[in-house]
Protein backbone atom coordinates (compact mmCIF):
# COMPACT_ATOMS: atom_id res chain seq x y z
CA MET A 1 -36.88 27.28 -290.21
CA VAL A 2 -34.95 25.87 -293.19
CA LEU A 3 -31.20 25.38 -293.22
CA VAL A 4 -29.66 24.37 -296.55
CA ALA A 5 -26.16 22.95 -296.74
CA PRO A 6 -23.84 24.39 -299.39
CA ALA A 7 -24.68 22.15 -302.35
CA CYS A 8 -26.22 22.46 -305.78
CA THR A 9 -29.72 23.91 -305.46
CA SER A 10 -30.77 24.42 -309.05
CA GLY A 11 -31.17 22.46 -312.28
CA ILE A 12 -31.98 18.82 -311.66
CA PHE A 13 -32.71 19.61 -308.04
CA GLY A 14 -36.02 21.35 -308.75
CA MET A 15 -37.78 18.30 -307.38
CA GLU A 16 -35.87 18.68 -304.13
CA SER A 17 -37.05 22.27 -303.97
CA LEU A 18 -40.63 21.01 -304.11
CA LEU A 19 -39.91 18.50 -301.36
CA ARG A 20 -38.31 21.17 -299.21
CA ARG A 21 -41.31 23.45 -299.64
CA LEU A 22 -43.67 20.57 -298.73
CA PHE A 23 -41.90 19.88 -295.44
CA GLY A 24 -41.58 23.60 -294.79
CA ARG A 25 -45.32 24.11 -295.15
CA ILE A 26 -46.19 21.21 -292.83
CA VAL A 27 -43.59 21.30 -290.07
CA GLN A 28 -43.86 24.49 -288.04
CA ARG A 29 -43.18 22.98 -284.61
CA GLY A 30 -40.60 20.51 -283.35
CA ASP A 31 -37.20 19.74 -284.84
CA LEU A 32 -36.95 17.81 -288.11
CA LEU A 33 -33.72 17.35 -290.05
CA VAL A 34 -34.04 16.01 -293.60
CA THR A 35 -31.10 14.89 -295.73
CA SER A 36 -31.97 14.69 -299.41
CA ALA A 37 -30.65 12.18 -301.92
CA SER A 38 -28.23 14.82 -303.22
CA GLY A 39 -26.80 15.43 -299.75
CA GLU A 40 -28.60 18.69 -298.96
CA ARG A 41 -29.68 19.06 -295.33
CA TRP A 42 -32.83 20.94 -294.36
CA ARG A 43 -34.02 21.73 -290.87
CA PHE A 44 -37.68 22.43 -290.16
CA GLY A 45 -39.69 23.53 -287.13
CA ASP A 46 -39.01 25.77 -284.17
CA GLY A 47 -36.34 23.58 -282.61
CA SER A 48 -38.48 22.36 -279.75
CA GLY A 49 -38.51 18.79 -278.50
CA GLN A 50 -36.35 15.85 -279.51
CA ARG A 51 -34.81 16.02 -282.97
CA VAL A 52 -36.00 13.61 -285.64
CA ALA A 53 -33.66 13.09 -288.60
CA ILE A 54 -34.49 11.25 -291.82
CA ARG A 55 -32.53 10.61 -295.01
CA PHE A 56 -33.63 9.76 -298.55
CA THR A 57 -31.33 7.36 -300.37
CA ASP A 58 -32.40 8.11 -303.98
CA ARG A 59 -34.29 10.65 -306.06
CA ARG A 60 -37.13 8.24 -306.96
CA ALA A 61 -37.86 7.89 -303.27
CA GLN A 62 -38.34 11.65 -303.06
CA TRP A 63 -40.68 11.64 -306.06
CA GLY A 64 -42.68 8.92 -304.34
CA ILE A 65 -43.25 11.10 -301.27
CA LEU A 66 -44.35 13.99 -303.47
CA LEU A 67 -46.75 12.03 -305.66
CA ALA A 68 -48.21 9.32 -303.39
CA PRO A 69 -47.16 9.87 -299.78
CA ASP A 70 -49.88 7.71 -298.20
CA LYS A 71 -48.60 4.64 -300.04
CA LYS A 72 -44.94 5.36 -300.72
CA LEU A 73 -43.90 6.45 -297.23
CA GLY A 74 -44.47 2.97 -295.81
CA GLU A 75 -42.88 1.26 -298.81
CA LEU A 76 -39.79 3.45 -298.66
CA PHE A 77 -39.33 2.75 -294.97
CA MET A 78 -39.80 -1.00 -295.55
CA ASP A 79 -37.24 -0.98 -298.37
CA GLY A 80 -34.65 1.07 -296.49
CA ARG A 81 -34.90 3.97 -298.93
CA LEU A 82 -36.16 6.35 -296.23
CA ILE A 83 -33.87 5.96 -293.23
CA VAL A 84 -34.65 7.36 -289.80
CA GLU A 85 -31.27 8.43 -288.42
CA GLN A 86 -32.48 10.06 -285.19
CA GLY A 87 -35.64 9.05 -283.37
CA ASP A 88 -37.79 6.34 -284.92
CA ILE A 89 -40.53 6.07 -287.51
CA TYR A 90 -43.21 6.73 -284.91
CA ALA A 91 -41.52 9.97 -283.86
CA PHE A 92 -41.36 11.09 -287.49
CA LEU A 93 -45.01 10.28 -288.21
CA ASP A 94 -46.14 11.87 -284.96
CA LEU A 95 -44.20 15.04 -285.73
CA VAL A 96 -45.55 15.38 -289.26
CA LEU A 97 -49.14 14.12 -288.99
CA GLY A 98 -49.64 15.83 -285.66
CA GLN A 99 -49.31 19.13 -287.49
CA LEU A 100 -51.70 18.16 -290.28
CA HIS A 101 -54.62 17.74 -287.88
CA GLY A 102 -57.43 20.09 -288.85
CA GLN A 103 -55.71 21.20 -292.05
CA ARG A 104 -57.32 20.74 -295.43
CA ASP A 105 -55.56 18.19 -297.62
CA PRO A 106 -53.64 19.56 -300.63
CA LEU A 107 -55.59 19.73 -303.91
CA ILE A 108 -53.76 16.78 -305.48
CA ILE A 109 -54.61 14.56 -302.47
CA ARG A 110 -58.28 15.59 -302.71
CA ILE A 111 -58.34 14.74 -306.42
CA ILE A 112 -56.74 11.33 -305.77
CA GLU A 113 -59.25 10.66 -302.97
CA ARG A 114 -62.20 11.36 -305.26
CA GLY A 115 -60.87 8.84 -307.75
CA ARG A 116 -60.33 6.23 -305.06
CA MET A 117 -63.88 6.70 -303.76
CA LEU A 118 -65.23 5.90 -307.23
CA TYR A 119 -63.27 2.64 -307.17
CA ARG A 120 -64.06 1.86 -303.52
CA ARG A 121 -67.08 -0.39 -303.99
CA ILE A 122 -65.31 -2.49 -306.63
CA ALA A 123 -62.18 -2.86 -304.50
CA GLN A 124 -64.20 -4.02 -301.49
CA ALA A 125 -66.57 -6.47 -303.13
CA ASN A 126 -65.65 -9.19 -300.64
CA GLY A 127 -67.32 -12.44 -301.63
CA GLN A 128 -66.83 -15.53 -299.48
CA GLN A 129 -63.69 -16.80 -301.22
CA ARG A 130 -62.08 -13.38 -301.37
CA SER A 131 -62.93 -12.76 -297.71
CA ARG A 132 -61.15 -15.96 -296.72
CA ARG A 133 -58.06 -14.99 -298.74
CA ASN A 134 -58.03 -11.53 -297.18
CA VAL A 135 -58.26 -12.95 -293.67
CA ALA A 136 -55.49 -15.48 -294.34
CA HIS A 137 -53.20 -12.67 -295.54
CA HIS A 138 -53.09 -11.17 -292.04
CA TYR A 139 -54.42 -13.61 -289.47
CA ASP A 140 -52.77 -16.82 -290.69
CA LEU A 141 -49.27 -15.48 -290.08
CA ASP A 142 -46.99 -17.39 -287.72
CA GLY A 143 -48.73 -17.46 -284.35
CA GLY A 144 -45.45 -16.65 -282.65
CA LEU A 145 -45.62 -13.14 -284.11
CA TYR A 146 -48.77 -12.28 -282.19
CA ASP A 147 -47.32 -13.69 -278.98
CA LEU A 148 -44.66 -10.99 -279.16
CA PHE A 149 -46.98 -8.05 -278.60
CA LEU A 150 -50.55 -9.09 -277.68
CA ASP A 151 -51.80 -9.63 -274.14
CA SER A 152 -52.03 -13.13 -272.70
CA ASP A 153 -55.63 -13.49 -273.92
CA ARG A 154 -54.62 -12.59 -277.49
CA GLN A 155 -57.07 -9.72 -277.81
CA TYR A 156 -56.28 -8.18 -281.21
CA SER A 157 -58.64 -5.19 -281.03
CA CYS A 158 -58.97 -1.90 -279.19
CA ALA A 159 -58.59 -2.22 -275.42
CA TYR A 160 -60.58 -0.16 -272.90
CA TYR A 161 -58.39 2.01 -270.67
CA GLU A 162 -60.39 2.87 -267.57
CA ASP A 163 -57.52 5.03 -266.32
CA GLY A 164 -54.19 6.27 -267.58
CA ASP A 165 -52.18 3.79 -265.52
CA ALA A 166 -53.89 0.67 -266.85
CA THR A 167 -51.66 -2.04 -268.26
CA LEU A 168 -52.48 -3.70 -271.58
CA GLU A 169 -53.66 -6.79 -269.67
CA ASP A 170 -55.96 -4.67 -267.48
CA ALA A 171 -57.34 -2.73 -270.43
CA GLN A 172 -58.09 -5.83 -272.51
CA LEU A 173 -59.89 -7.45 -269.59
CA ALA A 174 -61.84 -4.21 -269.09
CA LYS A 175 -62.79 -4.32 -272.80
CA ARG A 176 -64.25 -7.82 -272.48
CA ARG A 177 -66.08 -6.77 -269.33
CA HIS A 178 -67.45 -3.59 -270.95
CA ILE A 179 -68.76 -5.51 -273.94
CA ALA A 180 -70.34 -8.22 -271.77
CA ALA A 181 -72.11 -5.54 -269.72
CA LYS A 182 -73.55 -3.93 -272.86
CA LEU A 183 -74.81 -7.31 -274.02
CA VAL A 184 -76.98 -7.43 -270.86
CA MET A 185 -76.13 -11.09 -270.44
CA ARG A 186 -78.70 -13.40 -268.82
CA PRO A 187 -78.23 -16.96 -267.53
CA GLY A 188 -78.97 -19.40 -270.32
CA ASP A 189 -78.27 -17.01 -273.20
CA ARG A 190 -77.03 -18.45 -276.50
CA VAL A 191 -74.32 -16.20 -277.96
CA LEU A 192 -72.92 -15.79 -281.47
CA ASP A 193 -69.44 -14.24 -281.80
CA ILE A 194 -68.83 -13.16 -285.41
CA GLY A 195 -65.09 -12.93 -286.05
CA CYS A 196 -64.12 -14.64 -282.80
CA GLY A 197 -60.35 -14.30 -283.19
CA TRP A 198 -58.45 -16.62 -280.86
CA GLY A 199 -61.55 -17.18 -278.73
CA GLY A 200 -60.88 -14.99 -275.70
CA LEU A 201 -64.15 -13.07 -275.68
CA GLY A 202 -66.28 -16.18 -276.23
CA LEU A 203 -64.55 -17.95 -273.35
CA TYR A 204 -65.08 -14.92 -271.10
CA LEU A 205 -68.79 -14.76 -271.94
CA ALA A 206 -69.19 -18.41 -271.01
CA ASP A 207 -66.89 -18.59 -267.99
CA VAL A 208 -67.57 -15.22 -266.37
CA ALA A 209 -70.74 -13.73 -267.89
CA GLY A 210 -72.77 -16.93 -267.67
CA ALA A 211 -73.61 -17.70 -271.31
CA ALA A 212 -75.09 -21.18 -271.66
CA GLU A 213 -73.72 -21.65 -275.17
CA VAL A 214 -71.30 -19.68 -277.34
CA LEU A 215 -70.62 -20.18 -281.04
CA GLY A 216 -67.61 -18.35 -282.43
CA VAL A 217 -66.99 -18.17 -286.19
CA THR A 218 -63.80 -17.15 -287.96
CA LEU A 219 -62.25 -17.41 -291.42
CA SER A 220 -58.74 -17.97 -290.06
CA SER A 221 -57.62 -21.57 -289.74
CA GLU A 222 -54.78 -20.50 -287.42
CA GLN A 223 -57.18 -18.74 -285.07
CA LEU A 224 -59.63 -21.65 -285.19
CA GLY A 225 -57.06 -24.20 -284.01
CA ILE A 226 -55.92 -22.06 -281.10
CA ALA A 227 -59.49 -21.13 -280.05
CA ARG A 228 -60.57 -24.77 -279.97
CA ARG A 229 -57.50 -25.77 -277.98
CA ARG A 230 -58.12 -23.00 -275.47
CA ALA A 231 -61.74 -24.06 -274.99
CA LYS A 232 -60.65 -27.64 -274.35
CA ASP A 233 -57.87 -26.62 -271.95
CA ALA A 234 -60.34 -24.46 -269.99
CA GLY A 235 -62.86 -27.29 -269.78
CA LEU A 236 -65.38 -25.24 -271.74
CA ASP A 237 -65.43 -27.15 -275.03
CA ARG A 238 -68.97 -28.44 -274.40
CA GLN A 239 -70.18 -24.91 -273.75
CA VAL A 240 -68.11 -22.98 -276.30
CA SER A 241 -67.56 -24.10 -279.89
CA PHE A 242 -65.65 -22.51 -282.76
CA GLU A 243 -66.18 -23.02 -286.48
CA LEU A 244 -64.45 -22.00 -289.71
CA GLN A 245 -67.51 -20.38 -291.24
CA ASP A 246 -68.59 -17.22 -293.06
CA TYR A 247 -71.23 -15.23 -291.21
CA ARG A 248 -73.39 -15.22 -294.35
CA THR A 249 -73.89 -18.98 -294.13
CA LEU A 250 -75.08 -19.09 -290.52
CA GLY A 251 -78.45 -20.43 -289.45
CA GLY A 252 -80.28 -20.60 -286.14
CA SER A 253 -81.29 -18.02 -283.56
CA PHE A 254 -79.16 -16.37 -280.87
CA ASP A 255 -80.07 -14.34 -277.79
CA ARG A 256 -76.92 -12.27 -278.04
CA ILE A 257 -74.66 -11.43 -280.99
CA VAL A 258 -71.26 -9.79 -280.65
CA SER A 259 -68.70 -8.80 -283.26
CA VAL A 260 -65.39 -7.19 -282.31
CA GLY A 261 -62.84 -6.01 -284.86
CA MET A 262 -64.38 -7.97 -287.72
CA PHE A 263 -66.69 -5.45 -289.37
CA GLU A 264 -63.70 -3.59 -290.84
CA HIS A 265 -63.25 -6.61 -293.15
CA VAL A 266 -66.86 -6.83 -294.36
CA GLY A 267 -66.49 -4.34 -297.22
CA VAL A 268 -68.88 -1.53 -298.08
CA THR A 269 -70.84 -3.61 -300.59
CA ASN A 270 -71.75 -6.08 -297.84
CA TYR A 271 -72.92 -3.73 -295.08
CA ARG A 272 -76.57 -4.38 -295.84
CA THR A 273 -76.03 -8.16 -295.95
CA PHE A 274 -74.21 -8.06 -292.61
CA PHE A 275 -76.93 -6.21 -290.71
CA GLU A 276 -79.77 -8.14 -292.31
CA THR A 277 -78.03 -11.41 -291.44
CA CYS A 278 -77.61 -10.27 -287.84
CA ARG A 279 -81.29 -9.30 -287.66
CA ASP A 280 -82.31 -12.72 -288.98
CA ARG A 281 -80.07 -14.53 -286.48
CA LEU A 282 -81.05 -12.37 -283.46
CA SER A 283 -83.95 -13.50 -281.29
CA GLU A 284 -86.95 -11.22 -280.86
CA ASP A 285 -85.74 -9.95 -277.47
CA GLY A 286 -82.06 -10.23 -278.37
CA VAL A 287 -79.22 -7.71 -278.05
CA MET A 288 -76.20 -7.18 -280.31
CA LEU A 289 -72.94 -5.30 -279.76
CA LEU A 290 -70.85 -4.22 -282.76
CA HIS A 291 -67.33 -2.96 -281.97
CA THR A 292 -65.59 -1.51 -285.03
CA ILE A 293 -62.98 1.02 -286.05
CA GLY A 294 -64.63 3.91 -287.87
CA LEU A 295 -64.26 7.42 -289.23
CA SER A 296 -65.69 10.43 -287.42
CA ASP A 297 -65.57 12.81 -290.41
CA GLY A 298 -67.44 10.89 -293.10
CA PRO A 299 -66.51 8.16 -295.61
CA HIS A 300 -63.02 7.88 -297.04
CA SER A 301 -61.22 5.37 -299.21
CA ASN A 302 -58.93 2.87 -297.53
CA ASN A 303 -55.28 3.80 -297.04
CA PRO A 304 -53.49 2.22 -300.04
CA TRP A 305 -50.48 1.02 -298.02
CA ILE A 306 -52.70 -0.65 -295.42
CA GLU A 307 -54.80 -2.12 -298.25
CA LYS A 308 -51.80 -3.66 -300.00
CA TYR A 309 -49.67 -4.87 -297.13
CA ILE A 310 -51.82 -5.28 -294.02
CA PHE A 311 -55.60 -5.59 -294.50
CA PRO A 312 -56.62 -6.21 -298.14
CA GLY A 313 -60.30 -5.61 -298.71
CA GLY A 314 -60.69 -3.60 -295.52
CA ALA A 315 -62.85 -0.53 -295.01
CA LEU A 316 -63.45 1.85 -292.10
CA PRO A 317 -67.12 2.86 -291.90
CA ALA A 318 -68.55 6.25 -291.02
CA LEU A 319 -71.75 6.45 -288.98
CA SER A 320 -73.34 8.33 -291.87
CA GLU A 321 -72.91 5.15 -293.95
CA LEU A 322 -74.08 2.71 -291.30
CA LEU A 323 -77.14 4.36 -289.78
CA PRO A 324 -79.35 4.38 -292.92
CA ILE A 325 -78.54 0.70 -293.49
CA ILE A 326 -79.26 -0.18 -289.86
CA GLU A 327 -82.56 1.68 -290.04
CA ARG A 328 -83.63 -0.30 -293.10
CA SER A 329 -82.43 -3.63 -291.71
CA GLY A 330 -85.09 -3.92 -289.04
CA LEU A 331 -82.65 -3.39 -286.17
CA VAL A 332 -83.00 -0.62 -283.57
CA LEU A 333 -79.95 1.39 -282.50
CA THR A 334 -80.17 1.47 -278.69
CA ASP A 335 -76.77 2.87 -277.71
CA VAL A 336 -73.67 4.44 -279.32
CA GLU A 337 -70.31 4.94 -277.65
CA VAL A 338 -67.27 6.46 -279.31
CA LEU A 339 -63.96 5.28 -277.86
CA ARG A 340 -61.51 8.11 -278.46
CA LEU A 341 -57.77 7.49 -278.09
CA HIS A 342 -58.26 4.04 -276.54
CA TYR A 343 -56.88 2.44 -279.70
CA ALA A 344 -53.95 4.86 -279.73
CA PHE A 345 -53.05 3.64 -276.23
CA THR A 346 -53.53 0.02 -277.32
CA LEU A 347 -51.26 0.46 -280.35
CA ARG A 348 -48.67 2.23 -278.21
CA ASP A 349 -48.51 -0.79 -275.93
CA TRP A 350 -48.38 -3.21 -278.87
CA ARG A 351 -45.63 -1.19 -280.60
CA GLU A 352 -43.49 -0.99 -277.48
CA ARG A 353 -43.87 -4.72 -276.86
CA PHE A 354 -43.04 -5.54 -280.48
CA LEU A 355 -39.92 -3.37 -280.51
CA ALA A 356 -38.75 -4.88 -277.21
CA ARG A 357 -38.86 -8.34 -278.85
CA ARG A 358 -37.97 -7.34 -282.39
CA ASP A 359 -35.08 -9.84 -282.55
CA GLU A 360 -37.60 -12.64 -282.05
CA ALA A 361 -39.74 -11.27 -284.89
CA LEU A 362 -36.63 -11.20 -287.08
CA ALA A 363 -36.12 -14.90 -286.34
CA LEU A 364 -39.63 -15.57 -287.66
CA TYR A 365 -39.52 -13.31 -290.71
CA ASP A 366 -37.00 -10.97 -292.36
CA GLU A 367 -35.87 -7.38 -291.83
CA ARG A 368 -38.29 -5.97 -294.41
CA PHE A 369 -41.22 -7.65 -292.67
CA CYS A 370 -40.11 -6.25 -289.30
CA ARG A 371 -39.91 -2.74 -290.73
CA MET A 372 -43.36 -3.24 -292.29
CA TRP A 373 -44.83 -4.31 -288.96
CA GLU A 374 -43.19 -1.45 -287.09
CA PHE A 375 -44.56 1.02 -289.64
CA TYR A 376 -48.03 -0.54 -289.41
CA LEU A 377 -48.20 -0.20 -285.63
CA ALA A 378 -46.70 3.30 -285.64
CA ALA A 379 -48.86 4.65 -288.49
CA CYS A 380 -52.05 3.30 -286.97
CA GLU A 381 -51.22 4.75 -283.56
CA VAL A 382 -50.61 8.16 -285.09
CA ALA A 383 -53.88 7.91 -287.06
CA PHE A 384 -55.84 7.33 -283.85
CA ARG A 385 -54.03 10.19 -282.14
CA HIS A 386 -54.17 12.83 -284.86
CA ARG A 387 -56.64 11.82 -287.57
CA ASN A 388 -60.39 11.27 -287.43
CA VAL A 389 -60.17 7.56 -286.66
CA VAL A 390 -62.07 6.22 -283.65
CA VAL A 391 -63.82 3.08 -282.41
CA PHE A 392 -67.59 2.80 -282.43
CA GLN A 393 -69.54 0.51 -280.13
CA LEU A 394 -73.08 0.17 -281.46
CA GLN A 395 -75.68 -1.62 -279.38
CA LEU A 396 -78.53 -2.98 -281.49
CA ALA A 397 -81.76 -4.85 -280.84
CA ARG A 398 -84.90 -5.90 -282.63
CA ARG A 399 -87.07 -4.19 -279.99
CA GLN A 400 -86.24 -1.00 -278.13
CA GLU A 401 -87.49 -2.57 -274.87
CA ALA A 402 -84.73 -5.21 -275.02
CA VAL A 403 -82.29 -3.11 -272.96
CA PRO A 404 -82.78 -1.10 -269.74
CA LEU A 405 -84.14 2.43 -269.90
CA THR A 406 -80.96 4.20 -268.74
CA ARG A 407 -77.25 3.48 -269.07
CA GLY A 408 -76.69 2.90 -265.35
CA TYR A 409 -76.96 -0.83 -265.90
CA ILE A 410 -73.60 -0.87 -267.69
CA ALA A 411 -71.62 0.15 -264.59
CA GLU A 412 -73.74 -2.14 -262.40
CA MET A 413 -73.09 -5.13 -264.62
CA GLU A 414 -69.39 -4.33 -264.84
CA GLU A 415 -69.18 -4.42 -261.04
CA ALA A 416 -70.98 -7.77 -261.00
CA LEU A 417 -68.57 -9.12 -263.62
CA LYS A 418 -65.58 -7.92 -261.58
CA ARG A 419 -66.89 -9.92 -258.62
CA ALA A 420 -67.27 -12.98 -260.85
CA GLU A 421 -63.70 -12.51 -262.12
CA ARG A 422 -62.40 -12.43 -258.55
CA ARG A 423 -64.30 -15.60 -257.68
CA ASP A 424 -62.82 -17.35 -260.72
CA SER A 425 -59.34 -16.16 -259.80
CA GLN A 426 -59.73 -17.39 -256.20
CA SER A 427 -61.05 -20.75 -257.40
CA ALA A 428 -58.10 -21.13 -259.75
CA VAL A 429 -55.64 -20.42 -256.93
CA ALA A 430 -57.42 -22.87 -254.63
CA ALA A 431 -57.31 -25.56 -257.35
CA GLU A 432 -53.54 -25.20 -257.56
């Protein structure tokens, strides 16, 4: 359905005709109202659901959507040149991208993607200095920002929703528990956490799962300071240590290696180095768990808006890229789990928390930053709901006998960890 207000529709407005046809081809369901820079109003969809209304403020903004939508849409929203007048940016993205699922990209997008793939390896050549700069761009922001939307343990990666009613706190605890179970933790194990964030997983592995020693490494000075303080406050600083160190410079041997939400920053040119380093650091009977966002439909270039504003140097791997490298690295793939929609639920909870405390974010940064962050959370949530973006959990070992024969041990160990969590909680209450 397209409704055009009585305004000029020819001459210089040929570009608007192209824009109208683009929306008309995509939006067949729902209710979308678009106001063009010239004042024309177009309505798309079948009228179902809540209306979403957007407005373009200038003609260059409209050209941007036509020529480079995956980059310009976020920029236009940040700059206030695409205004959402009814609904919010999530509702708009959900309405549009939800209808693109399963459709073949337009020819111009496919041509652009081929060019970006040729440039991909150069763009993601993340040496040690560049890796540190990339990490600082995102993770060394004001710590108060992350307090606005993360759980109390500051888990900044996909949670694990065991049921639809789980809170963010429950789901992030379940994630730590699920990972610990897959690591098949044993008393006395020495653990390496590559990309340890603010330290929550390392502290859990020591306090609940029984690790004798945990070393967490990060490239973020902000995360390092908080992780060390948390270890000291918990009385675990002799058992758990954190260092500002690149994984490529590590020495020693570890019984267990875990990496959660860090592999996306490695870069495609360093995949081989990453897995070979992990093999060299893993003991002969050791187990590793890699938790990473990935693509279920083969390799793609990074989203240019995400690359520029959120995660420079990032890359989402496809299994078809990783498995040949893992096979050649000397590691054995012992288990694969694909977490579908869990990150969409996580991002939903983050986005709702952020919007509820948006005024506090505005006190830390400016309006443009707040719009950028809202777009980031909304666009990523929609990608996990409607595009071929998932989370892979890969369990790896040097010997196939390092893990039990069947997967029943995962549920058994999770139950044991739940009992340990309850004991810790009861001890904490008694201490008070």
